[in-house]
């Protein structure tokens, strides 16, 4: 997996945090960089940590199922992509953002950070099967998520929730395209 694919994957994974960032940005009377940075750090750290956990767990079993690695990566990434698209359609029409001031306490932020990063654990599993260099990958995912979620806070503060579902659809499409490329390479149809 090349740097461009990793960057696209990082952006796709960060679309949930972008959507939550928009919701949080709605609650701030004005944009405050420090608050956006705190939100970005929560999301970035968890979004980087979950693939690492998935990677380490999968490495325990990678040798036993290595022959199926490309199929597993294809299935996981496709499933996550389709799930993101379906979730974006379910949420459309009813605001799931509370517009009251968002608390940035660990008690309030940790559930958001964990919920938005669970999918990243499955990506970490696929990294193990694809033999991705994990440290650069999780650093790129973490930094990308930090930046994207901060942008989401700013956009939410300025424009509102109108971009939320579109971001999730874009993220899902990117994951599906990456999964198809992995399968295409495995089958010898595509070579990069």
C-alpha atoms as a PDB file:
ATOM      1  CA  UNK A   1       0.000   0.000   0.000  1.00  0.00           C
ATOM      2  CA  UNK A   2       1.573   3.261  -1.158  1.00  0.00           C
ATOM      3  CA  UNK A   3       1.577   6.659   0.518  1.00  0.00           C
ATOM      4  CA  UNK A   4      -1.245   7.995  -1.673  1.00  0.00           C
ATOM      5  CA  UNK A   5      -3.463   5.023  -0.787  1.00  0.00           C
ATOM      6  CA  UNK A   6      -2.617   5.412   2.890  1.00  0.00           C
ATOM      7  CA  UNK A   7      -3.487   9.095   2.716  1.00  0.00           C
ATOM      8  CA  UNK A   8      -6.808   8.345   0.991  1.00  0.00           C
ATOM      9  CA  UNK A   9      -7.512   5.673   3.600  1.00  0.00           C
ATOM     10  CA  UNK A  10      -6.674   8.125   6.406  1.00  0.00           C
ATOM     11  CA  UNK A  11      -9.034  10.712   4.917  1.00  0.00           C
ATOM     12  CA  UNK A  12     -11.780   8.091   4.509  1.00  0.00           C
ATOM     13  CA  UNK A  13     -11.384   6.943   8.116  1.00  0.00           C
ATOM     14  CA  UNK A  14     -11.495  10.522   9.359  1.00  0.00           C
ATOM     15  CA  UNK A  15     -14.871  11.267   7.756  1.00  0.00           C
ATOM     16  CA  UNK A  16     -16.732  10.124  10.895  1.00  0.00           C
ATOM     17  CA  UNK A  17     -14.645  12.515  12.979  1.00  0.00           C
ATOM     18  CA  UNK A  18     -15.260  15.232  10.393  1.00  0.00           C
ATOM     19  CA  UNK A  19     -19.006  14.696  10.788  1.00  0.00           C
ATOM     20  CA  UNK A  20     -18.797  14.772  14.602  1.00  0.00           C
ATOM     21  CA  UNK A  21     -16.534  17.827  14.346  1.00  0.00           C
ATOM     22  CA  UNK A  22     -19.242  19.578  12.327  1.00  0.00           C
ATOM     23  CA  UNK A  23     -21.774  18.765  15.045  1.00  0.00           C
ATOM     24  CA  UNK A  24     -19.442  20.083  17.727  1.00  0.00           C
ATOM     25  CA  UNK A  25     -18.677  23.202  15.711  1.00  0.00           C
ATOM     26  CA  UNK A  26     -22.401  23.963  15.598  1.00  0.00           C
ATOM     27  CA  UNK A  27     -22.404  24.314  19.374  1.00  0.00           C
ATOM     28  CA  UNK A  28     -19.645  26.918  19.611  1.00  0.00           C
ATOM     29  CA  UNK A  29     -20.758  30.566  19.420  1.00  0.00           C
ATOM     30  CA  UNK A  30     -17.429  31.315  17.703  1.00  0.00           C
ATOM     31  CA  UNK A  31     -14.533  29.232  16.438  1.00  0.00           C
ATOM     32  CA  UNK A  32     -11.812  28.787  19.055  1.00  0.00           C
ATOM     33  CA  UNK A  33      -8.634  27.125  17.797  1.00  0.00           C
ATOM     34  CA  UNK A  34      -7.808  25.625  21.213  1.00  0.00           C
ATOM     35  CA  UNK A  35     -11.165  23.802  21.374  1.00  0.00           C
ATOM     36  CA  UNK A  36     -10.790  22.543  17.803  1.00  0.00           C
ATOM     37  CA  UNK A  37      -7.272  21.308  18.645  1.00  0.00           C
ATOM     38  CA  UNK A  38      -8.511  19.436  21.730  1.00  0.00           C
ATOM     39  CA  UNK A  39     -11.238  17.762  19.668  1.00  0.00           C
ATOM     40  CA  UNK A  40      -8.708  16.927  16.941  1.00  0.00           C
ATOM     41  CA  UNK A  41      -6.278  15.435  19.462  1.00  0.00           C
ATOM     42  CA  UNK A  42      -8.925  13.160  20.978  1.00  0.00           C
ATOM     43  CA  UNK A  43      -9.964  11.890  17.569  1.00  0.00           C
ATOM     44  CA  UNK A  44      -6.442  11.717  16.134  1.00  0.00           C
ATOM     45  CA  UNK A  45      -5.021   9.728  19.044  1.00  0.00           C
ATOM     46  CA  UNK A  46      -7.840   7.191  19.046  1.00  0.00           C
ATOM     47  CA  UNK A  47      -7.962   6.949  15.248  1.00  0.00           C
ATOM     48  CA  UNK A  48      -4.213   6.145  15.291  1.00  0.00           C
ATOM     49  CA  UNK A  49      -4.419   3.784  18.251  1.00  0.00           C
ATOM     50  CA  UNK A  50      -7.207   1.537  17.008  1.00  0.00           C
ATOM     51  CA  UNK A  51      -5.454   0.399  13.798  1.00  0.00           C
ATOM     52  CA  UNK A  52      -2.390  -0.367  15.899  1.00  0.00           C
ATOM     53  CA  UNK A  53      -4.500  -2.559  18.205  1.00  0.00           C
ATOM     54  CA  UNK A  54      -6.108  -4.299  15.199  1.00  0.00           C
ATOM     55  CA  UNK A  55      -2.697  -4.781  13.580  1.00  0.00           C
ATOM     56  CA  UNK A  56      -1.155  -6.320  16.712  1.00  0.00           C
ATOM     57  CA  UNK A  57      -4.142  -8.607  17.283  1.00  0.00           C
ATOM     58  CA  UNK A  58      -4.185  -9.768  13.657  1.00  0.00           C
ATOM     59  CA  UNK A  59      -0.463 -10.495  13.672  1.00  0.00           C
ATOM     60  CA  UNK A  60      -1.165 -13.245  16.187  1.00  0.00           C
ATOM     61  CA  UNK A  61      -3.211 -15.035  13.514  1.00  0.00           C
ATOM     62  CA  UNK A  62      -1.674 -13.714  10.274  1.00  0.00           C
ATOM     63  CA  UNK A  63       0.485 -16.741   9.567  1.00  0.00           C
ATOM     64  CA  UNK A  64      -2.463 -19.132   9.917  1.00  0.00           C
ATOM     65  CA  UNK A  65      -4.631 -17.304   7.365  1.00  0.00           C
ATOM     66  CA  UNK A  66      -2.057 -15.557   5.185  1.00  0.00           C
ATOM     67  CA  UNK A  67      -3.387 -17.266   2.037  1.00  0.00           C
ATOM     68  CA  UNK A  68      -6.645 -15.351   2.475  1.00  0.00           C
ATOM     69  CA  UNK A  69      -5.086 -11.989   3.370  1.00  0.00           C
ATOM     70  CA  UNK A  70      -6.158 -10.096   0.231  1.00  0.00           C
ATOM     71  CA  UNK A  71      -9.700 -11.448   0.466  1.00  0.00           C
ATOM     72  CA  UNK A  72      -9.912 -10.481   4.145  1.00  0.00           C
ATOM     73  CA  UNK A  73      -8.608  -6.959   3.443  1.00  0.00           C
ATOM     74  CA  UNK A  74     -11.049  -6.620   0.521  1.00  0.00           C
ATOM     75  CA  UNK A  75     -13.993  -7.808   2.641  1.00  0.00           C
ATOM     76  CA  UNK A  76     -13.164  -5.602   5.641  1.00  0.00           C
ATOM     77  CA  UNK A  77     -12.598  -2.410   3.658  1.00  0.00           C
ATOM     78  CA  UNK A  78     -15.635  -3.010   1.422  1.00  0.00           C
ATOM     79  CA  UNK A  79     -17.828  -3.692   4.440  1.00  0.00           C
ATOM     80  CA  UNK A  80     -16.626  -0.521   6.180  1.00  0.00           C
ATOM     81  CA  UNK A  81     -17.172   1.538   3.020  1.00  0.00           C
ATOM     82  CA  UNK A  82     -20.703   0.257   2.479  1.00  0.00           C
ATOM     83  CA  UNK A  83     -21.463   0.726   6.189  1.00  0.00           C
ATOM     84  CA  UNK A  84     -20.333   4.365   6.037  1.00  0.00           C
ATOM     85  CA  UNK A  85     -22.561   5.028   3.028  1.00  0.00           C
ATOM     86  CA  UNK A  86     -25.578   3.322   4.629  1.00  0.00           C
ATOM     87  CA  UNK A  87     -25.005   5.127   7.944  1.00  0.00           C
ATOM     88  CA  UNK A  88     -24.862   8.479   6.163  1.00  0.00           C
ATOM     89  CA  UNK A  89     -28.240   7.812   4.538  1.00  0.00           C
ATOM     90  CA  UNK A  90     -29.853   6.717   7.837  1.00  0.00           C
ATOM     91  CA  UNK A  91     -28.820   9.910   9.597  1.00  0.00           C
ATOM     92  CA  UNK A  92     -30.016  12.211   6.851  1.00  0.00           C
ATOM     93  CA  UNK A  93     -33.184  14.010   7.725  1.00  0.00           C
ATOM     94  CA  UNK A  94     -32.855  13.947  11.512  1.00  0.00           C
ATOM     95  CA  UNK A  95     -30.230  16.031  13.193  1.00  0.00           C
ATOM     96  CA  UNK A  96     -28.181  13.890  15.559  1.00  0.00           C
ATOM     97  CA  UNK A  97     -26.166  16.867  16.755  1.00  0.00           C
ATOM     98  CA  UNK A  98     -27.032  18.589  19.951  1.00  0.00           C
ATOM     99  CA  UNK A  99     -26.602  22.305  19.531  1.00  0.00           C
ATOM    100  CA  UNK A 100     -25.949  23.005  23.213  1.00  0.00           C
ATOM    101  CA  UNK A 101     -22.343  23.826  24.190  1.00  0.00           C
ATOM    102  CA  UNK A 102     -20.167  20.707  23.867  1.00  0.00           C
ATOM    103  CA  UNK A 103     -18.135  19.729  26.914  1.00  0.00           C
ATOM    104  CA  UNK A 104     -14.540  18.782  26.128  1.00  0.00           C
ATOM    105  CA  UNK A 105     -14.085  16.791  29.342  1.00  0.00           C
ATOM    106  CA  UNK A 106     -12.706  13.243  29.006  1.00  0.00           C
ATOM    107  CA  UNK A 107     -16.046  11.898  30.252  1.00  0.00           C
ATOM    108  CA  UNK A 108     -17.814  13.488  27.260  1.00  0.00           C
ATOM    109  CA  UNK A 109     -15.085  13.171  24.615  1.00  0.00           C
ATOM    110  CA  UNK A 110     -13.882   9.584  25.166  1.00  0.00           C
ATOM    111  CA  UNK A 111     -17.156   7.985  24.011  1.00  0.00           C
ATOM    112  CA  UNK A 112     -17.042  10.084  20.812  1.00  0.00           C
ATOM    113  CA  UNK A 113     -13.386   9.199  20.224  1.00  0.00           C
ATOM    114  CA  UNK A 114     -13.940   5.468  20.755  1.00  0.00           C
ATOM    115  CA  UNK A 115     -17.148   5.361  18.683  1.00  0.00           C
ATOM    116  CA  UNK A 116     -15.577   7.108  15.694  1.00  0.00           C
ATOM    117  CA  UNK A 117     -12.442   4.951  15.744  1.00  0.00           C
ATOM    118  CA  UNK A 118     -13.845   1.407  16.068  1.00  0.00           C
ATOM    119  CA  UNK A 119     -13.850   0.999  12.263  1.00  0.00           C
ATOM    120  CA  UNK A 120     -10.156   1.861  12.239  1.00  0.00           C
ATOM    121  CA  UNK A 121      -9.431  -1.306  14.236  1.00  0.00           C
ATOM    122  CA  UNK A 122     -10.687  -3.400  11.306  1.00  0.00           C
ATOM    123  CA  UNK A 123      -8.395  -1.418   9.004  1.00  0.00           C
ATOM    124  CA  UNK A 124      -5.505  -2.325  11.320  1.00  0.00           C
ATOM    125  CA  UNK A 125      -6.411  -5.986  10.858  1.00  0.00           C
ATOM    126  CA  UNK A 126      -6.219  -5.551   7.086  1.00  0.00           C
ATOM    127  CA  UNK A 127      -2.846  -3.784   7.512  1.00  0.00           C
ATOM    128  CA  UNK A 128      -1.484  -6.935   9.155  1.00  0.00           C
ATOM    129  CA  UNK A 129      -2.540  -9.089   6.228  1.00  0.00           C
ATOM    130  CA  UNK A 130      -1.235  -6.592   3.675  1.00  0.00           C
ATOM    131  CA  UNK A 131       2.087  -6.265   5.525  1.00  0.00           C
ATOM    132  CA  UNK A 132       1.747  -2.473   5.816  1.00  0.00           C
ATOM    133  CA  UNK A 133       4.468  -0.677   7.781  1.00  0.00           C
ATOM    134  CA  UNK A 134       2.322   0.131  10.806  1.00  0.00           C
ATOM    135  CA  UNK A 135       4.103   3.056  12.488  1.00  0.00           C
ATOM    136  CA  UNK A 136       4.076   5.416   9.471  1.00  0.00           C
ATOM    137  CA  UNK A 137       0.509   4.303   8.671  1.00  0.00           C
ATOM    138  CA  UNK A 138      -0.901   5.045  12.143  1.00  0.00           C
ATOM    139  CA  UNK A 139       0.988   8.344  12.344  1.00  0.00           C
ATOM    140  CA  UNK A 140      -0.475   9.411   8.996  1.00  0.00           C
ATOM    141  CA  UNK A 141      -3.969   8.332  10.100  1.00  0.00           C
ATOM    142  CA  UNK A 142      -3.627  10.189  13.408  1.00  0.00           C
ATOM    143  CA  UNK A 143      -2.345  13.447  11.919  1.00  0.00           C
ATOM    144  CA  UNK A 144      -4.867  13.361   9.069  1.00  0.00           C
ATOM    145  CA  UNK A 145      -7.712  12.776  11.523  1.00  0.00           C
ATOM    146  CA  UNK A 146      -6.506  15.619  13.743  1.00  0.00           C
ATOM    147  CA  UNK A 147      -6.531  18.027  10.796  1.00  0.00           C
ATOM    148  CA  UNK A 148      -9.779  16.784   9.240  1.00  0.00           C
ATOM    149  CA  UNK A 149     -11.704  16.902  12.520  1.00  0.00           C
ATOM    150  CA  UNK A 150     -10.440  20.435  13.211  1.00  0.00           C
ATOM    151  CA  UNK A 151     -11.634  21.436   9.740  1.00  0.00           C
ATOM    152  CA  UNK A 152     -14.991  19.817  10.576  1.00  0.00           C
ATOM    153  CA  UNK A 153     -15.283  21.941  13.732  1.00  0.00           C
ATOM    154  CA  UNK A 154     -14.576  25.081  11.702  1.00  0.00           C
ATOM    155  CA  UNK A 155     -17.033  24.160   8.952  1.00  0.00           C
ATOM    156  CA  UNK A 156     -19.706  23.265  11.524  1.00  0.00           C
ATOM    157  CA  UNK A 157     -19.172  26.586  13.214  1.00  0.00           C
ATOM    158  CA  UNK A 158     -19.466  28.480   9.931  1.00  0.00           C
ATOM    159  CA  UNK A 159     -21.845  26.496   7.700  1.00  0.00           C
ATOM    160  CA  UNK A 160     -23.744  24.011   9.845  1.00  0.00           C
ATOM    161  CA  UNK A 161     -24.502  20.325   9.298  1.00  0.00           C
ATOM    162  CA  UNK A 162     -25.148  20.399   5.544  1.00  0.00           C
ATOM    163  CA  UNK A 163     -21.826  18.652   4.622  1.00  0.00           C
ATOM    164  CA  UNK A 164     -22.039  15.873   7.231  1.00  0.00           C
ATOM    165  CA  UNK A 165     -23.625  13.050   5.209  1.00  0.00           C
ATOM    166  CA  UNK A 166     -21.720  13.950   2.032  1.00  0.00           C
ATOM    167  CA  UNK A 167     -18.430  13.518   3.912  1.00  0.00           C
ATOM    168  CA  UNK A 168     -19.458  10.064   5.136  1.00  0.00           C
ATOM    169  CA  UNK A 169     -20.507   9.013   1.604  1.00  0.00           C
ATOM    170  CA  UNK A 170     -17.154  10.183   0.199  1.00  0.00           C
ATOM    171  CA  UNK A 171     -15.289   8.258   2.904  1.00  0.00           C
ATOM    172  CA  UNK A 172     -17.267   5.093   2.126  1.00  0.00           C
ATOM    173  CA  UNK A 173     -16.597   5.361  -1.596  1.00  0.00           C
ATOM    174  CA  UNK A 174     -12.858   5.790  -0.984  1.00  0.00           C
ATOM    175  CA  UNK A 175     -12.754   2.650   1.212  1.00  0.00           C
ATOM    176  CA  UNK A 176     -14.618   0.618  -1.423  1.00  0.00           C
ATOM    177  CA  UNK A 177     -12.272   1.801  -4.195  1.00  0.00           C
ATOM    178  CA  UNK A 178      -9.195   0.874  -2.137  1.00  0.00           C
ATOM    179  CA  UNK A 179     -10.676  -2.571  -1.416  1.00  0.00           C
ATOM    180  CA  UNK A 180     -11.341  -3.121  -5.133  1.00  0.00           C
ATOM    181  CA  UNK A 181      -7.768  -2.162  -5.971  1.00  0.00           C
ATOM    182  CA  UNK A 182      -6.454  -4.680  -3.404  1.00  0.00           C
ATOM    183  CA  UNK A 183      -8.632  -7.420  -4.894  1.00  0.00           C
ATOM    184  CA  UNK A 184      -7.678  -6.403  -8.447  1.00  0.00           C
ATOM    185  CA  UNK A 185      -3.981  -6.666  -7.600  1.00  0.00           C
ATOM    186  CA  UNK A 186      -4.480 -10.048  -5.971  1.00  0.00           C
ATOM    187  CA  UNK A 187      -6.360 -11.381  -9.001  1.00  0.00           C
ATOM    188  CA  UNK A 188      -3.773  -9.897 -11.361  1.00  0.00           C
ATOM    189  CA  UNK A 189      -6.276  -7.607 -13.055  1.00  0.00           C
ATOM    190  CA  UNK A 190      -4.658  -4.411 -11.764  1.00  0.00           C
ATOM    191  CA  UNK A 191      -0.967  -3.792 -11.176  1.00  0.00           C
ATOM    192  CA  UNK A 192       0.438  -0.645  -9.603  1.00  0.00           C
END
